[in-house]
Each structure stands twice: as structure tokens, then as C-alpha cells.
Amino acid sequence: MRDIYLVNQDGSGLTNLTNTPAFYEANAFWIGSRVAYTRGNQLVAINLALDGGGNVYAESEEVIYDQLQPGANPAASFRGANTHSWIVFQGANAIQHLDFGIQPPMLQQLTTPPSGSVDRWSSFSPTDAK
């Protein structure tokens, strides 16, 4: 299947962070200092650490959310001024966001496309500006 890798800017230091050949993992992106990705209907975050030789490895992982819709693709992540963190998703036919600064995390639909159409290619502003 597919794993998530980390590599240095110069192409060296290729590191397999997940090493789980039985799973299909995709859509990796950064959430602060963690790497997040999708695995089936789950959104998973990896906490990274350095070993004694300065090599990066996956210290632990956490399932942030386990009810993603099929085809949900993370488009962006950011932390708001109120310490809440959001991830914007391109869902099956609409734009959604996941607020994981609250418990339990809440997935909300941001757009409602007209019948027969699809909303795609979301973007965001990292400030509170509209």
C-alpha cells in the first residue's frame, strides 16, 4: 500500500514514518510540529522525535478524528487565535472543516453546493481577517 515518508530538503534522510504496508495512508500535511495524514476514515497525527544520532523518527501517533467521509482530502491546517486548531477538507462534494480544539472534535460543512454541483479547491486565511 502507501506509507508516509519524511525527507530533508536536499533529498537525503528518507525516513518511513508509518511503515504500515497493510494500510493506505495519504494526504500528509503539517499540523504545527506534527505530521498528519489520512488512513481510511481516520485523521492521524504523528509526534516526531530525534534519536541520539539526530535522526527523525515517529515517536507516537494519535487518531485525531475517526469519522471522515470517503474522499475527504485535507486542504489546509491552521491554529486560530483562540488556540483552536482547524483542518479544512475538500469533502465528497462540499468544503468542510474539523475543529479539533474542542472535545470531541467537530466536523462542520462550510459550503452547500447547488444540486448536481461540487465545491472544490478550498483555501484559507491564517488570520481572523475575512
N, C-alpha and C. Protein backbone atom coordinates (compact mmCIF):
# COMPACT_ATOMS: atom_id res chain seq x y z
N MET A 1 0.84 -1.18 0.00
CA MET A 1 0.00 0.00 0.00
C MET A 1 0.88 1.24 0.00
N ARG A 2 0.51 2.29 0.75
CA ARG A 2 1.30 3.52 0.77
C ARG A 2 1.62 3.93 2.19
N ASP A 3 2.85 4.36 2.41
CA ASP A 3 3.29 4.86 3.70
C ASP A 3 3.59 6.35 3.59
N ILE A 4 3.81 6.99 4.74
CA ILE A 4 4.15 8.41 4.80
C ILE A 4 5.64 8.51 5.11
N TYR A 5 6.36 9.31 4.32
CA TYR A 5 7.80 9.48 4.47
C TYR A 5 8.13 10.94 4.77
N LEU A 6 9.27 11.14 5.39
CA LEU A 6 9.83 12.46 5.63
C LEU A 6 11.20 12.48 4.97
N VAL A 7 11.57 13.59 4.33
CA VAL A 7 12.85 13.69 3.65
C VAL A 7 13.40 15.11 3.84
N ASN A 8 14.70 15.24 3.90
CA ASN A 8 15.34 16.56 4.00
C ASN A 8 15.16 17.32 2.70
N GLN A 9 15.35 18.64 2.76
CA GLN A 9 15.19 19.48 1.57
C GLN A 9 16.13 19.08 0.44
N ASP A 10 17.32 18.57 0.78
CA ASP A 10 18.28 18.19 -0.26
C ASP A 10 18.06 16.77 -0.78
N GLY A 11 16.99 16.09 -0.32
CA GLY A 11 16.68 14.75 -0.78
C GLY A 11 17.29 13.64 0.05
N SER A 12 18.11 13.99 1.02
CA SER A 12 18.72 12.97 1.88
C SER A 12 17.81 12.66 3.06
N GLY A 13 18.15 11.62 3.80
CA GLY A 13 17.45 11.29 5.03
C GLY A 13 16.03 10.78 4.86
N LEU A 14 15.77 10.04 3.81
CA LEU A 14 14.43 9.48 3.61
C LEU A 14 14.05 8.58 4.79
N THR A 15 12.95 8.92 5.48
CA THR A 15 12.52 8.19 6.66
C THR A 15 11.07 7.77 6.52
N ASN A 16 10.80 6.49 6.63
CA ASN A 16 9.43 5.98 6.61
C ASN A 16 8.84 6.21 8.00
N LEU A 17 7.82 7.08 8.10
CA LEU A 17 7.24 7.42 9.39
C LEU A 17 6.17 6.44 9.83
N THR A 18 5.52 5.77 8.90
CA THR A 18 4.39 4.92 9.28
C THR A 18 4.72 3.43 9.18
N ASN A 19 5.38 3.01 8.14
CA ASN A 19 5.80 1.61 7.97
C ASN A 19 4.67 0.62 8.27
N THR A 20 3.52 0.86 7.63
CA THR A 20 2.35 0.00 7.82
C THR A 20 1.83 -0.43 6.45
N PRO A 21 2.44 -1.43 5.84
CA PRO A 21 2.09 -1.81 4.48
C PRO A 21 0.65 -2.30 4.32
N ALA A 22 -0.01 -2.66 5.40
CA ALA A 22 -1.40 -3.14 5.29
C ALA A 22 -2.40 -2.00 5.12
N PHE A 23 -1.96 -0.74 5.33
CA PHE A 23 -2.86 0.41 5.25
C PHE A 23 -2.51 1.31 4.09
N TYR A 24 -3.52 2.01 3.59
CA TYR A 24 -3.33 3.03 2.56
C TYR A 24 -3.35 4.39 3.27
N GLU A 25 -2.20 5.02 3.34
CA GLU A 25 -2.08 6.31 4.02
C GLU A 25 -1.73 7.37 2.99
N ALA A 26 -2.36 8.53 3.12
CA ALA A 26 -2.18 9.57 2.10
C ALA A 26 -2.43 10.95 2.69
N ASN A 27 -2.30 11.96 1.86
CA ASN A 27 -2.68 13.34 2.18
C ASN A 27 -1.92 13.90 3.38
N ALA A 28 -0.62 13.67 3.47
CA ALA A 28 0.16 14.16 4.60
C ALA A 28 0.30 15.68 4.56
N PHE A 29 0.28 16.29 5.73
CA PHE A 29 0.49 17.74 5.87
C PHE A 29 0.93 18.01 7.31
N TRP A 30 1.44 19.21 7.55
CA TRP A 30 1.92 19.58 8.87
C TRP A 30 0.80 20.18 9.70
N ILE A 31 0.76 19.80 10.98
CA ILE A 31 -0.05 20.49 12.00
C ILE A 31 0.95 20.91 13.06
N GLY A 32 1.40 22.14 13.00
CA GLY A 32 2.44 22.60 13.92
C GLY A 32 3.70 21.78 13.70
N SER A 33 4.16 21.08 14.73
CA SER A 33 5.37 20.26 14.62
C SER A 33 5.05 18.79 14.38
N ARG A 34 3.79 18.46 14.15
CA ARG A 34 3.38 17.08 13.89
C ARG A 34 3.04 16.90 12.41
N VAL A 35 3.13 15.68 11.95
CA VAL A 35 2.71 15.33 10.60
C VAL A 35 1.38 14.61 10.72
N ALA A 36 0.38 15.10 9.98
CA ALA A 36 -0.93 14.46 9.98
C ALA A 36 -1.19 13.85 8.61
N TYR A 37 -2.04 12.84 8.56
CA TYR A 37 -2.37 12.18 7.31
C TYR A 37 -3.69 11.44 7.47
N THR A 38 -4.24 11.00 6.34
CA THR A 38 -5.47 10.21 6.38
C THR A 38 -5.13 8.73 6.21
N ARG A 39 -5.89 7.91 6.94
CA ARG A 39 -5.79 6.45 6.83
C ARG A 39 -7.22 5.95 6.90
N GLY A 40 -7.79 5.64 5.73
CA GLY A 40 -9.19 5.25 5.69
C GLY A 40 -10.07 6.40 6.14
N ASN A 41 -10.92 6.16 7.14
CA ASN A 41 -11.79 7.23 7.63
C ASN A 41 -11.17 7.95 8.83
N GLN A 42 -9.86 7.75 9.06
CA GLN A 42 -9.19 8.36 10.20
C GLN A 42 -8.27 9.50 9.78
N LEU A 43 -8.17 10.50 10.65
CA LEU A 43 -7.15 11.53 10.55
C LEU A 43 -6.17 11.24 11.68
N VAL A 44 -4.91 11.00 11.33
CA VAL A 44 -3.89 10.57 12.30
C VAL A 44 -2.79 11.61 12.34
N ALA A 45 -2.26 11.89 13.53
CA ALA A 45 -1.14 12.81 13.70
C ALA A 45 0.03 12.05 14.32
N ILE A 46 1.23 12.29 13.79
CA ILE A 46 2.45 11.66 14.28
C ILE A 46 3.27 12.69 15.05
N ASN A 47 3.69 12.34 16.25
CA ASN A 47 4.62 13.15 17.02
C ASN A 47 6.03 12.71 16.65
N LEU A 48 6.84 13.66 16.23
CA LEU A 48 8.20 13.36 15.78
C LEU A 48 9.21 13.58 16.91
N ALA A 49 10.31 12.84 16.87
CA ALA A 49 11.38 12.98 17.85
C ALA A 49 12.72 12.74 17.16
N LEU A 50 13.79 13.08 17.84
CA LEU A 50 15.16 12.84 17.33
C LEU A 50 15.82 11.77 18.18
N ASP A 51 16.52 10.84 17.52
CA ASP A 51 17.29 9.85 18.26
C ASP A 51 18.66 10.45 18.61
N GLY A 52 19.51 9.69 19.26
CA GLY A 52 20.82 10.18 19.69
C GLY A 52 21.71 10.63 18.55
N GLY A 53 21.47 10.11 17.34
CA GLY A 53 22.28 10.49 16.18
C GLY A 53 21.70 11.65 15.39
N GLY A 54 20.61 12.26 15.89
CA GLY A 54 20.00 13.39 15.20
C GLY A 54 19.04 12.98 14.10
N ASN A 55 18.66 11.71 14.05
CA ASN A 55 17.72 11.23 13.03
C ASN A 55 16.28 11.35 13.53
N VAL A 56 15.39 11.77 12.66
CA VAL A 56 13.98 11.92 13.00
C VAL A 56 13.30 10.55 12.96
N TYR A 57 12.42 10.32 13.92
CA TYR A 57 11.59 9.11 13.90
C TYR A 57 10.21 9.43 14.46
N ALA A 58 9.25 8.56 14.17
CA ALA A 58 7.89 8.72 14.66
C ALA A 58 7.84 8.20 16.09
N GLU A 59 7.71 9.09 17.04
CA GLU A 59 7.70 8.71 18.45
C GLU A 59 6.37 8.08 18.86
N SER A 60 5.28 8.68 18.41
CA SER A 60 3.95 8.16 18.73
C SER A 60 2.96 8.72 17.71
N GLU A 61 1.79 8.12 17.66
CA GLU A 61 0.75 8.63 16.78
C GLU A 61 -0.56 8.69 17.54
N GLU A 62 -1.43 9.57 17.07
CA GLU A 62 -2.72 9.78 17.72
C GLU A 62 -3.79 9.89 16.64
N VAL A 63 -4.88 9.15 16.80
CA VAL A 63 -6.02 9.31 15.90
C VAL A 63 -6.77 10.54 16.37
N ILE A 64 -6.77 11.60 15.55
CA ILE A 64 -7.43 12.86 15.91
C ILE A 64 -8.93 12.77 15.65
N TYR A 65 -9.29 12.09 14.57
CA TYR A 65 -10.70 12.00 14.18
C TYR A 65 -10.89 10.71 13.42
N ASP A 66 -12.00 10.01 13.67
CA ASP A 66 -12.18 8.71 13.03
C ASP A 66 -13.50 8.56 12.29
N GLN A 67 -14.04 9.68 11.81
CA GLN A 67 -15.31 9.62 11.09
C GLN A 67 -15.25 10.44 9.80
N LEU A 68 -14.11 10.43 9.11
CA LEU A 68 -14.00 11.16 7.85
C LEU A 68 -14.88 10.51 6.80
N GLN A 69 -15.42 11.34 5.94
CA GLN A 69 -16.21 10.83 4.82
C GLN A 69 -15.29 10.29 3.75
N PRO A 70 -15.75 9.31 2.97
CA PRO A 70 -14.93 8.82 1.85
C PRO A 70 -14.55 9.98 0.93
N GLY A 71 -13.31 10.01 0.53
CA GLY A 71 -12.85 11.05 -0.38
C GLY A 71 -12.47 12.36 0.28
N ALA A 72 -12.49 12.44 1.62
CA ALA A 72 -12.11 13.68 2.30
C ALA A 72 -10.61 13.90 2.15
N ASN A 73 -10.24 15.04 1.59
CA ASN A 73 -8.84 15.38 1.37
C ASN A 73 -8.49 16.63 2.15
N PRO A 74 -7.54 16.56 3.10
CA PRO A 74 -7.14 17.77 3.81
C PRO A 74 -6.57 18.79 2.85
N ALA A 75 -7.00 20.04 2.97
CA ALA A 75 -6.52 21.09 2.09
C ALA A 75 -5.60 22.06 2.82
N ALA A 76 -5.82 22.26 4.11
CA ALA A 76 -5.01 23.21 4.86
C ALA A 76 -5.25 23.00 6.34
N SER A 77 -4.29 23.41 7.15
CA SER A 77 -4.48 23.37 8.59
C SER A 77 -3.96 24.67 9.18
N PHE A 78 -4.53 25.09 10.27
CA PHE A 78 -4.07 26.30 10.93
C PHE A 78 -4.56 26.34 12.35
N ARG A 79 -3.91 27.17 13.16
CA ARG A 79 -4.29 27.37 14.55
C ARG A 79 -4.84 28.78 14.68
N GLY A 80 -6.04 28.89 15.23
CA GLY A 80 -6.68 30.19 15.42
C GLY A 80 -6.14 30.91 16.63
N ALA A 81 -6.51 32.17 16.75
CA ALA A 81 -6.04 33.00 17.86
C ALA A 81 -6.56 32.48 19.20
N ASN A 82 -7.68 31.76 19.19
CA ASN A 82 -8.25 31.26 20.43
C ASN A 82 -7.73 29.86 20.78
N THR A 83 -6.61 29.47 20.23
CA THR A 83 -5.93 28.18 20.42
C THR A 83 -6.68 26.99 19.84
N HIS A 84 -7.76 27.20 19.15
CA HIS A 84 -8.41 26.09 18.45
C HIS A 84 -7.63 25.82 17.17
N SER A 85 -7.60 24.57 16.77
CA SER A 85 -6.93 24.19 15.53
C SER A 85 -7.97 23.65 14.57
N TRP A 86 -7.84 24.02 13.32
CA TRP A 86 -8.78 23.60 12.30
C TRP A 86 -8.05 22.94 11.15
N ILE A 87 -8.73 22.03 10.51
CA ILE A 87 -8.27 21.46 9.25
C ILE A 87 -9.41 21.63 8.26
N VAL A 88 -9.10 22.19 7.11
CA VAL A 88 -10.10 22.39 6.07
C VAL A 88 -10.01 21.21 5.12
N PHE A 89 -11.16 20.60 4.82
CA PHE A 89 -11.23 19.43 3.96
C PHE A 89 -12.02 19.73 2.70
N GLN A 90 -11.59 19.11 1.64
CA GLN A 90 -12.41 19.01 0.44
C GLN A 90 -13.15 17.70 0.61
N GLY A 91 -14.43 17.75 0.95
CA GLY A 91 -15.21 16.54 1.18
C GLY A 91 -15.69 15.94 -0.13
N ALA A 92 -16.65 15.06 -0.03
CA ALA A 92 -17.17 14.37 -1.21
C ALA A 92 -17.74 15.37 -2.21
N ASN A 93 -18.45 16.40 -1.74
CA ASN A 93 -18.99 17.40 -2.68
C ASN A 93 -19.06 18.79 -2.05
N ALA A 94 -18.50 18.99 -0.87
CA ALA A 94 -18.57 20.29 -0.20
C ALA A 94 -17.27 20.52 0.57
N ILE A 95 -17.07 21.76 1.00
CA ILE A 95 -15.92 22.12 1.81
C ILE A 95 -16.33 22.00 3.28
N GLN A 96 -15.47 21.34 4.07
CA GLN A 96 -15.76 21.11 5.48
C GLN A 96 -14.55 21.54 6.30
N HIS A 97 -14.77 21.75 7.60
CA HIS A 97 -13.62 21.95 8.47
C HIS A 97 -13.81 21.15 9.75
N LEU A 98 -12.69 20.73 10.30
CA LEU A 98 -12.66 19.96 11.53
C LEU A 98 -12.01 20.82 12.60
N ASP A 99 -12.75 21.10 13.66
CA ASP A 99 -12.22 21.85 14.80
C ASP A 99 -11.81 20.84 15.84
N PHE A 100 -10.50 20.61 15.99
CA PHE A 100 -10.05 19.65 16.99
C PHE A 100 -9.48 20.35 18.21
N GLY A 101 -9.85 21.63 18.39
CA GLY A 101 -9.52 22.34 19.61
C GLY A 101 -10.58 22.12 20.67
N ILE A 102 -11.67 21.45 20.30
CA ILE A 102 -12.72 21.11 21.24
C ILE A 102 -12.84 19.60 21.31
N GLN A 103 -13.42 19.10 22.37
CA GLN A 103 -13.60 17.65 22.51
C GLN A 103 -15.07 17.34 22.67
N PRO A 104 -15.63 16.41 21.93
CA PRO A 104 -14.96 15.71 20.84
C PRO A 104 -14.80 16.63 19.63
N PRO A 105 -13.82 16.36 18.76
CA PRO A 105 -13.65 17.18 17.56
C PRO A 105 -14.95 17.23 16.75
N MET A 106 -15.20 18.37 16.13
CA MET A 106 -16.44 18.56 15.41
C MET A 106 -16.18 18.86 13.94
N LEU A 107 -16.79 18.10 13.06
CA LEU A 107 -16.69 18.32 11.62
C LEU A 107 -17.92 19.11 11.18
N GLN A 108 -17.69 20.24 10.52
CA GLN A 108 -18.79 21.08 10.06
C GLN A 108 -18.67 21.34 8.58
N GLN A 109 -19.80 21.35 7.91
CA GLN A 109 -19.84 21.66 6.48
C GLN A 109 -19.85 23.16 6.33
N LEU A 110 -18.96 23.71 5.49
CA LEU A 110 -18.84 25.14 5.28
C LEU A 110 -19.60 25.62 4.06
N THR A 111 -19.77 24.75 3.07
CA THR A 111 -20.47 25.15 1.85
C THR A 111 -21.59 24.16 1.55
N THR A 112 -22.58 24.65 0.86
CA THR A 112 -23.68 23.80 0.40
C THR A 112 -23.84 24.06 -1.10
N PRO A 113 -23.24 23.21 -1.92
CA PRO A 113 -23.31 23.44 -3.36
C PRO A 113 -24.71 23.18 -3.90
N PRO A 114 -25.08 23.87 -4.97
CA PRO A 114 -26.37 23.59 -5.61
C PRO A 114 -26.44 22.13 -6.06
N SER A 115 -27.62 21.62 -6.17
CA SER A 115 -27.82 20.23 -6.59
C SER A 115 -27.07 19.94 -7.88
N GLY A 116 -26.33 18.85 -7.89
CA GLY A 116 -25.60 18.43 -9.08
C GLY A 116 -24.23 19.05 -9.23
N SER A 117 -23.84 19.95 -8.32
CA SER A 117 -22.51 20.57 -8.42
C SER A 117 -21.65 20.15 -7.23
N VAL A 118 -20.37 20.49 -7.33
CA VAL A 118 -19.40 20.08 -6.31
C VAL A 118 -18.53 21.28 -5.97
N ASP A 119 -18.26 21.50 -4.69
CA ASP A 119 -17.33 22.54 -4.26
C ASP A 119 -15.96 21.91 -4.09
N ARG A 120 -14.94 22.54 -4.65
CA ARG A 120 -13.58 22.02 -4.59
C ARG A 120 -12.59 23.17 -4.39
N TRP A 121 -11.35 22.79 -4.12
CA TRP A 121 -10.21 23.69 -4.06
C TRP A 121 -10.39 24.79 -3.02
N SER A 122 -10.53 24.38 -1.78
CA SER A 122 -10.66 25.35 -0.69
C SER A 122 -9.33 26.00 -0.40
N SER A 123 -9.38 27.18 0.19
CA SER A 123 -8.20 27.87 0.70
C SER A 123 -8.61 28.58 1.96
N PHE A 124 -7.65 29.20 2.64
CA PHE A 124 -7.98 29.87 3.89
C PHE A 124 -7.04 31.02 4.13
N SER A 125 -7.43 31.88 5.07
CA SER A 125 -6.57 32.94 5.55
C SER A 125 -6.15 32.58 6.97
N PRO A 126 -4.87 32.60 7.28
CA PRO A 126 -4.42 32.17 8.61
C PRO A 126 -4.69 33.19 9.71
N THR A 127 -5.33 34.29 9.40
CA THR A 127 -5.68 35.28 10.41
C THR A 127 -7.19 35.31 10.58
N ASP A 128 -7.65 36.14 11.47
CA ASP A 128 -9.08 36.27 11.66
C ASP A 128 -9.71 37.22 10.63
N ALA A 129 -8.92 37.72 9.70
CA ALA A 129 -9.43 38.63 8.65
C ALA A 129 -10.38 37.87 7.75
N LYS A 130 -11.37 38.56 7.29
CA LYS A 130 -12.35 37.94 6.39
C LYS A 130 -11.98 38.20 4.96
